[in-house]
Amino acid sequence: MSACINKRTAGFTMIELLVVMLILSFLIGVGIISTRHLRNRAMLALFFEDMRRTKEAANHFAQDCGFMPPDVWRGVDPSFVEIDGYKKGNHSAVWQQVEKDLQKCWAGPYLREWKNNPWGGLYDWDNYPSDYSAWGIPGGGCYLTLKPATWGGQDGLPALEFEDILEAQGVDKSTEDNVVSVWMGKAPDFGVQGK
C-alpha cells in the first residue's frame, strides 16, 4: 500500500503544471516586451547618430560650397557620398542651377554611405523653399526625413509612440503621422550660388 502512495506523490498535479505554465508564460511575455523596448531604444540611438552625422556632413558641404544640397528623391544621396550622387534618382531642377558650382567646390565625400534608416525605411533629403511645404514639413529649411519604405505605407518607420516622443522633444518637425522630419538648416537662396 505504501508503494501506491509513493507513486501518486511522485508526479505533478494538473494545478501545479498550470501554475508553472502560467509563470513561464508571464516571464516569456515580460522578456519579449523588454527585448522589444531595448530594440526600439537601440534603433532610436542609431537614428540620432545618423542624424548627427548627416548634419555634420551638411555643414561641411555648406562650408565648402556656400549652399546646402537641393532637394533629392527619397533614398538618393544628396551628394554627401559621391559628387554626382543626386543623379541616381529623380531630382530637383535646382540641381541644374548648382551643378557647375558643385564641380568647383565639392570636397567630399562627407559621408561614407547614404543608407536606409534603422527601421528599414528611406532617408530623404528635403530642401524646401519658404513658399513650399509637403508631408507636413514647413518650407524654408533643409530636413533629413524618414519616409516609409513604400509610398503611403507605414513600413520602415518608428512606431507612432516613438514618433510622438520625437515630436515632444522638438526633433520631428513634420505635423503628419508616419513622417519624421529633422531640421538640418535653413534653405538657401538659390539665386546666389557657391564660391
C-alpha atoms as a PDB file:
ATOM      1  CA  MET A   1       0.000   0.000   0.000  1.00  0.00           C
ATOM      2  CA  SER A   2       2.802   2.437   0.747  1.00  0.00           C
ATOM      3  CA  ALA A   3       4.162   1.798  -2.778  1.00  0.00           C
ATOM      4  CA  CYS A   4       0.894   3.153  -4.251  1.00  0.00           C
ATOM      5  CA  ILE A   5       1.076   6.302  -2.192  1.00  0.00           C
ATOM      6  CA  ASN A   6       4.665   6.963  -3.306  1.00  0.00           C
ATOM      7  CA  LYS A   7       3.683   6.562  -6.964  1.00  0.00           C
ATOM      8  CA  ARG A   8       0.927   9.159  -6.624  1.00  0.00           C
ATOM      9  CA  THR A   9       3.086  11.785  -4.943  1.00  0.00           C
ATOM     10  CA  ALA A  10       5.991  11.363  -7.377  1.00  0.00           C
ATOM     11  CA  GLY A  11       4.284  13.353 -10.204  1.00  0.00           C
ATOM     12  CA  PHE A  12       2.849  16.863 -10.578  1.00  0.00           C
ATOM     13  CA  THR A  13      -0.819  17.605 -10.273  1.00  0.00           C
ATOM     14  CA  MET A  14      -2.639  19.359 -13.075  1.00  0.00           C
ATOM     15  CA  ILE A  15      -2.900  22.533 -10.972  1.00  0.00           C
ATOM     16  CA  GLU A  16       0.841  22.554 -10.322  1.00  0.00           C
ATOM     17  CA  LEU A  17       1.534  22.183 -14.058  1.00  0.00           C
ATOM     18  CA  LEU A  18      -0.885  25.023 -14.870  1.00  0.00           C
ATOM     19  CA  VAL A  19       0.771  27.297 -12.287  1.00  0.00           C
ATOM     20  CA  VAL A  20       4.237  26.534 -13.721  1.00  0.00           C
ATOM     21  CA  MET A  21       2.973  27.170 -17.279  1.00  0.00           C
ATOM     22  CA  LEU A  22       1.353  30.431 -16.169  1.00  0.00           C
ATOM     23  CA  ILE A  23       4.580  31.626 -14.521  1.00  0.00           C
ATOM     24  CA  LEU A  24       6.632  30.661 -17.598  1.00  0.00           C
ATOM     25  CA  SER A  25       4.170  32.448 -19.903  1.00  0.00           C
ATOM     26  CA  PHE A  26       4.376  35.578 -17.766  1.00  0.00           C
ATOM     27  CA  LEU A  27       8.194  35.521 -17.757  1.00  0.00           C
ATOM     28  CA  ILE A  28       8.329  34.989 -21.528  1.00  0.00           C
ATOM     29  CA  GLY A  29       5.883  37.875 -22.064  1.00  0.00           C
ATOM     30  CA  VAL A  30       7.970  40.202 -19.882  1.00  0.00           C
ATOM     31  CA  GLY A  31      11.098  39.120 -21.762  1.00  0.00           C
ATOM     32  CA  ILE A  32       9.518  39.825 -25.144  1.00  0.00           C
ATOM     33  CA  ILE A  33       8.316  43.269 -24.051  1.00  0.00           C
ATOM     34  CA  SER A  34      11.744  44.102 -22.580  1.00  0.00           C
ATOM     35  CA  THR A  35      13.536  42.913 -25.712  1.00  0.00           C
ATOM     36  CA  ARG A  36      11.225  44.946 -27.968  1.00  0.00           C
ATOM     37  CA  HIS A  37      11.739  48.051 -25.811  1.00  0.00           C
ATOM     38  CA  LEU A  38      15.538  47.621 -25.849  1.00  0.00           C
ATOM     39  CA  ARG A  39      15.491  47.084 -29.613  1.00  0.00           C
ATOM     40  CA  ASN A  40      13.476  50.288 -30.157  1.00  0.00           C
ATOM     41  CA  ARG A  41      15.844  52.238 -27.893  1.00  0.00           C
ATOM     42  CA  ALA A  42      18.827  50.918 -29.871  1.00  0.00           C
ATOM     43  CA  MET A  43      17.170  51.898 -33.141  1.00  0.00           C
ATOM     44  CA  LEU A  44      16.485  55.393 -31.797  1.00  0.00           C
ATOM     45  CA  ALA A  45      20.145  55.671 -30.784  1.00  0.00           C
ATOM     46  CA  LEU A  46      21.185  54.691 -34.334  1.00  0.00           C
ATOM     47  CA  PHE A  47      18.761  57.254 -35.750  1.00  0.00           C
ATOM     48  CA  PHE A  48      20.210  60.022 -33.552  1.00  0.00           C
ATOM     49  CA  GLU A  49      23.721  59.032 -34.673  1.00  0.00           C
ATOM     50  CA  ASP A  50      22.641  59.099 -38.356  1.00  0.00           C
ATOM     51  CA  MET A  51      21.049  62.496 -37.736  1.00  0.00           C
ATOM     52  CA  ARG A  52      24.244  63.843 -36.134  1.00  0.00           C
ATOM     53  CA  ARG A  53      26.452  62.561 -38.969  1.00  0.00           C
ATOM     54  CA  THR A  54      24.136  63.906 -41.651  1.00  0.00           C
ATOM     55  CA  LYS A  55      24.014  67.341 -40.006  1.00  0.00           C
ATOM     56  CA  GLU A  56      27.821  67.342 -39.814  1.00  0.00           C
ATOM     57  CA  ALA A  57      28.031  66.351 -43.491  1.00  0.00           C
ATOM     58  CA  ALA A  58      25.532  69.064 -44.465  1.00  0.00           C
ATOM     59  CA  ASN A  59      27.510  71.696 -42.561  1.00  0.00           C
ATOM     60  CA  HIS A  60      30.802  70.650 -44.196  1.00  0.00           C
ATOM     61  CA  PHE A  61      29.124  70.619 -47.606  1.00  0.00           C
ATOM     62  CA  ALA A  62      27.695  74.115 -46.976  1.00  0.00           C
ATOM     63  CA  GLN A  63      31.098  75.425 -45.793  1.00  0.00           C
ATOM     64  CA  ASP A  64      32.764  74.131 -48.969  1.00  0.00           C
ATOM     65  CA  CYS A  65      30.055  75.124 -51.446  1.00  0.00           C
ATOM     66  CA  GLY A  66      28.217  78.015 -49.820  1.00  0.00           C
ATOM     67  CA  PHE A  67      24.822  76.284 -50.092  1.00  0.00           C
ATOM     68  CA  MET A  68      23.013  73.219 -48.784  1.00  0.00           C
ATOM     69  CA  PRO A  69      22.278  70.445 -51.283  1.00  0.00           C
ATOM     70  CA  PRO A  70      18.983  70.920 -53.139  1.00  0.00           C
ATOM     71  CA  ASP A  71      16.097  68.500 -52.713  1.00  0.00           C
ATOM     72  CA  VAL A  72      16.540  64.912 -53.950  1.00  0.00           C
ATOM     73  CA  TRP A  73      14.280  61.905 -54.377  1.00  0.00           C
ATOM     74  CA  ARG A  74      13.830  59.694 -51.323  1.00  0.00           C
ATOM     75  CA  GLY A  75      16.635  57.202 -50.821  1.00  0.00           C
ATOM     76  CA  VAL A  76      19.024  59.198 -53.066  1.00  0.00           C
ATOM     77  CA  ASP A  77      22.372  60.571 -51.855  1.00  0.00           C
ATOM     78  CA  PRO A  78      22.277  64.408 -51.922  1.00  0.00           C
ATOM     79  CA  SER A  79      25.952  64.387 -52.989  1.00  0.00           C
ATOM     80  CA  PHE A  80      27.272  63.741 -49.490  1.00  0.00           C
ATOM     81  CA  VAL A  81      28.819  60.414 -50.576  1.00  0.00           C
ATOM     82  CA  GLU A  82      29.503  60.987 -54.282  1.00  0.00           C
ATOM     83  CA  ILE A  83      29.649  64.259 -56.181  1.00  0.00           C
ATOM     84  CA  ASP A  84      27.036  63.023 -58.651  1.00  0.00           C
ATOM     85  CA  GLY A  85      25.015  61.051 -56.086  1.00  0.00           C
ATOM     86  CA  TYR A  86      21.939  63.174 -56.778  1.00  0.00           C
ATOM     87  CA  LYS A  87      21.840  61.860 -60.378  1.00  0.00           C
ATOM     88  CA  LYS A  88      20.917  58.344 -59.199  1.00  0.00           C
ATOM     89  CA  GLY A  89      17.254  59.207 -58.896  1.00  0.00           C
ATOM     90  CA  ASN A  90      14.671  61.755 -59.860  1.00  0.00           C
ATOM     91  CA  HIS A  91      15.990  65.094 -58.654  1.00  0.00           C
ATOM     92  CA  SER A  92      15.024  68.737 -58.440  1.00  0.00           C
ATOM     93  CA  ALA A  93      15.636  71.117 -61.355  1.00  0.00           C
ATOM     94  CA  VAL A  94      17.560  73.285 -58.899  1.00  0.00           C
ATOM     95  CA  TRP A  95      20.449  70.814 -59.262  1.00  0.00           C
ATOM     96  CA  GLN A  96      20.940  72.111 -62.818  1.00  0.00           C
ATOM     97  CA  GLN A  97      21.489  75.587 -61.346  1.00  0.00           C
ATOM     98  CA  VAL A  98      24.111  74.381 -58.845  1.00  0.00           C
ATOM     99  CA  GLU A  99      25.810  71.672 -60.915  1.00  0.00           C
ATOM    100  CA  LYS A 100      28.689  73.897 -62.156  1.00  0.00           C
ATOM    101  CA  ASP A 101      29.291  75.305 -58.676  1.00  0.00           C
ATOM    102  CA  LEU A 102      29.277  71.788 -57.258  1.00  0.00           C
ATOM    103  CA  GLN A 103      32.065  70.707 -59.633  1.00  0.00           C
ATOM    104  CA  LYS A 104      34.258  73.564 -58.349  1.00  0.00           C
ATOM    105  CA  CYS A 105      33.548  73.409 -54.618  1.00  0.00           C
ATOM    106  CA  TRP A 106      32.796  69.781 -53.687  1.00  0.00           C
ATOM    107  CA  ALA A 107      35.497  68.405 -51.358  1.00  0.00           C
ATOM    108  CA  GLY A 108      33.747  65.222 -50.191  1.00  0.00           C
ATOM    109  CA  PRO A 109      32.893  62.570 -49.506  1.00  0.00           C
ATOM    110  CA  TYR A 110      31.125  63.979 -46.489  1.00  0.00           C
ATOM    111  CA  LEU A 111      29.532  60.637 -45.508  1.00  0.00           C
ATOM    112  CA  ARG A 112      30.685  57.038 -46.040  1.00  0.00           C
ATOM    113  CA  GLU A 113      27.279  55.903 -47.286  1.00  0.00           C
ATOM    114  CA  TRP A 114      23.687  57.038 -47.784  1.00  0.00           C
ATOM    115  CA  LYS A 115      21.780  54.241 -46.139  1.00  0.00           C
ATOM    116  CA  ASN A 116      18.321  53.235 -45.000  1.00  0.00           C
ATOM    117  CA  ASN A 117      17.092  54.346 -41.608  1.00  0.00           C
ATOM    118  CA  PRO A 118      17.320  51.870 -38.682  1.00  0.00           C
ATOM    119  CA  TRP A 119      13.695  50.755 -39.219  1.00  0.00           C
ATOM    120  CA  GLY A 120      14.372  49.895 -42.893  1.00  0.00           C
ATOM    121  CA  GLY A 121      12.688  52.950 -44.423  1.00  0.00           C
ATOM    122  CA  LEU A 122      14.353  55.519 -46.637  1.00  0.00           C
ATOM    123  CA  TYR A 123      16.124  58.672 -45.612  1.00  0.00           C
ATOM    124  CA  ASP A 124      15.167  61.625 -47.751  1.00  0.00           C
ATOM    125  CA  TRP A 125      16.997  64.934 -48.077  1.00  0.00           C
ATOM    126  CA  ASP A 126      14.305  67.601 -48.308  1.00  0.00           C
ATOM    127  CA  ASN A 127      15.221  71.195 -49.118  1.00  0.00           C
ATOM    128  CA  TYR A 128      12.046  73.265 -49.282  1.00  0.00           C
ATOM    129  CA  PRO A 129      11.929  76.956 -50.210  1.00  0.00           C
ATOM    130  CA  SER A 130       9.937  79.209 -47.902  1.00  0.00           C
ATOM    131  CA  ASP A 131       6.898  79.213 -50.208  1.00  0.00           C
ATOM    132  CA  TYR A 132       6.639  75.394 -50.356  1.00  0.00           C
ATOM    133  CA  SER A 133       5.761  72.652 -47.887  1.00  0.00           C
ATOM    134  CA  ALA A 134       4.858  68.974 -48.195  1.00  0.00           C
ATOM    135  CA  TRP A 135       4.332  65.950 -45.921  1.00  0.00           C
ATOM    136  CA  GLY A 136       3.513  68.382 -43.114  1.00  0.00           C
ATOM    137  CA  ILE A 137       7.094  69.709 -43.323  1.00  0.00           C
ATOM    138  CA  PRO A 138       7.353  73.509 -43.227  1.00  0.00           C
ATOM    139  CA  GLY A 139       9.167  75.369 -46.006  1.00  0.00           C
ATOM    140  CA  GLY A 140      12.292  77.431 -45.627  1.00  0.00           C
ATOM    141  CA  GLY A 141      14.612  74.668 -44.473  1.00  0.00           C
ATOM    142  CA  CYS A 142      16.598  71.526 -45.136  1.00  0.00           C
ATOM    143  CA  TYR A 143      15.458  68.343 -43.445  1.00  0.00           C
ATOM    144  CA  LEU A 144      16.545  64.750 -43.035  1.00  0.00           C
ATOM    145  CA  THR A 145      13.228  62.965 -43.368  1.00  0.00           C
ATOM    146  CA  LEU A 146      12.229  59.400 -42.560  1.00  0.00           C
ATOM    147  CA  LYS A 147       9.660  58.198 -45.038  1.00  0.00           C
ATOM    148  CA  PRO A 148       8.059  54.759 -45.359  1.00  0.00           C
ATOM    149  CA  ALA A 149       9.763  52.094 -47.490  1.00  0.00           C
ATOM    150  CA  THR A 150       6.622  52.002 -49.666  1.00  0.00           C
ATOM    151  CA  TRP A 151       4.596  55.071 -50.656  1.00  0.00           C
ATOM    152  CA  GLY A 152       1.638  55.536 -48.348  1.00  0.00           C
ATOM    153  CA  GLY A 153       2.816  52.723 -46.086  1.00  0.00           C
ATOM    154  CA  GLN A 154       3.990  52.637 -42.509  1.00  0.00           C
ATOM    155  CA  ASP A 155       6.818  50.150 -43.018  1.00  0.00           C
ATOM    156  CA  GLY A 156      10.335  51.304 -42.263  1.00  0.00           C
ATOM    157  CA  LEU A 157       9.277  53.885 -39.673  1.00  0.00           C
ATOM    158  CA  PRO A 158       9.384  54.011 -35.887  1.00  0.00           C
ATOM    159  CA  ALA A 159       6.199  53.182 -34.006  1.00  0.00           C
ATOM    160  CA  LEU A 160       3.876  56.170 -33.612  1.00  0.00           C
ATOM    161  CA  GLU A 161       4.635  56.264 -29.880  1.00  0.00           C
ATOM    162  CA  PHE A 162       8.295  56.971 -30.695  1.00  0.00           C
ATOM    163  CA  GLU A 163       7.302  59.499 -33.340  1.00  0.00           C
ATOM    164  CA  ASP A 164       5.248  61.257 -30.644  1.00  0.00           C
ATOM    165  CA  ILE A 165       8.318  61.294 -28.372  1.00  0.00           C
ATOM    166  CA  LEU A 166      10.392  62.831 -31.177  1.00  0.00           C
ATOM    167  CA  GLU A 167       7.695  65.471 -31.726  1.00  0.00           C
ATOM    168  CA  ALA A 168       7.513  66.256 -27.989  1.00  0.00           C
ATOM    169  CA  GLN A 169      11.312  66.697 -27.911  1.00  0.00           C
ATOM    170  CA  GLY A 170      11.117  69.095 -30.871  1.00  0.00           C
ATOM    171  CA  VAL A 171      13.091  66.726 -33.117  1.00  0.00           C
ATOM    172  CA  ASP A 172      10.266  65.875 -35.548  1.00  0.00           C
ATOM    173  CA  LYS A 173       9.163  68.996 -37.431  1.00  0.00           C
ATOM    174  CA  SER A 174       6.516  67.254 -39.572  1.00  0.00           C
ATOM    175  CA  THR A 175       2.896  67.577 -38.496  1.00  0.00           C
ATOM    176  CA  GLU A 176       1.886  64.331 -40.264  1.00  0.00           C
ATOM    177  CA  ASP A 177       1.907  60.846 -38.795  1.00  0.00           C
ATOM    178  CA  ASN A 178       4.306  58.360 -40.409  1.00  0.00           C
ATOM    179  CA  VAL A 179       6.725  61.115 -41.446  1.00  0.00           C
ATOM    180  CA  VAL A 180       9.626  62.143 -39.219  1.00  0.00           C
ATOM    181  CA  SER A 181      11.433  65.249 -40.402  1.00  0.00           C
ATOM    182  CA  VAL A 182      14.521  66.646 -38.670  1.00  0.00           C
ATOM    183  CA  TRP A 183      15.744  70.215 -39.224  1.00  0.00           C
ATOM    184  CA  MET A 184      19.234  70.315 -40.782  1.00  0.00           C
ATOM    185  CA  GLY A 185      19.493  74.015 -41.614  1.00  0.00           C
ATOM    186  CA  LYS A 186      17.971  76.993 -43.370  1.00  0.00           C
ATOM    187  CA  ALA A 187      17.188  76.687 -47.055  1.00  0.00           C
ATOM    188  CA  PRO A 188      19.482  78.921 -49.139  1.00  0.00           C
ATOM    189  CA  ASP A 189      18.522  81.427 -51.769  1.00  0.00           C
ATOM    190  CA  PHE A 190      19.451  79.608 -54.970  1.00  0.00           C
ATOM    191  CA  GLY A 191      19.787  82.935 -56.805  1.00  0.00           C
ATOM    192  CA  VAL A 192      23.235  83.307 -55.225  1.00  0.00           C
ATOM    193  CA  GLN A 193      25.425  80.254 -55.640  1.00  0.00           C
ATOM    194  CA  GLY A 194      28.555  78.885 -54.080  1.00  0.00           C
ATOM    195  CA  LYS A 195      32.007  80.325 -54.080  1.00  0.00           C
END
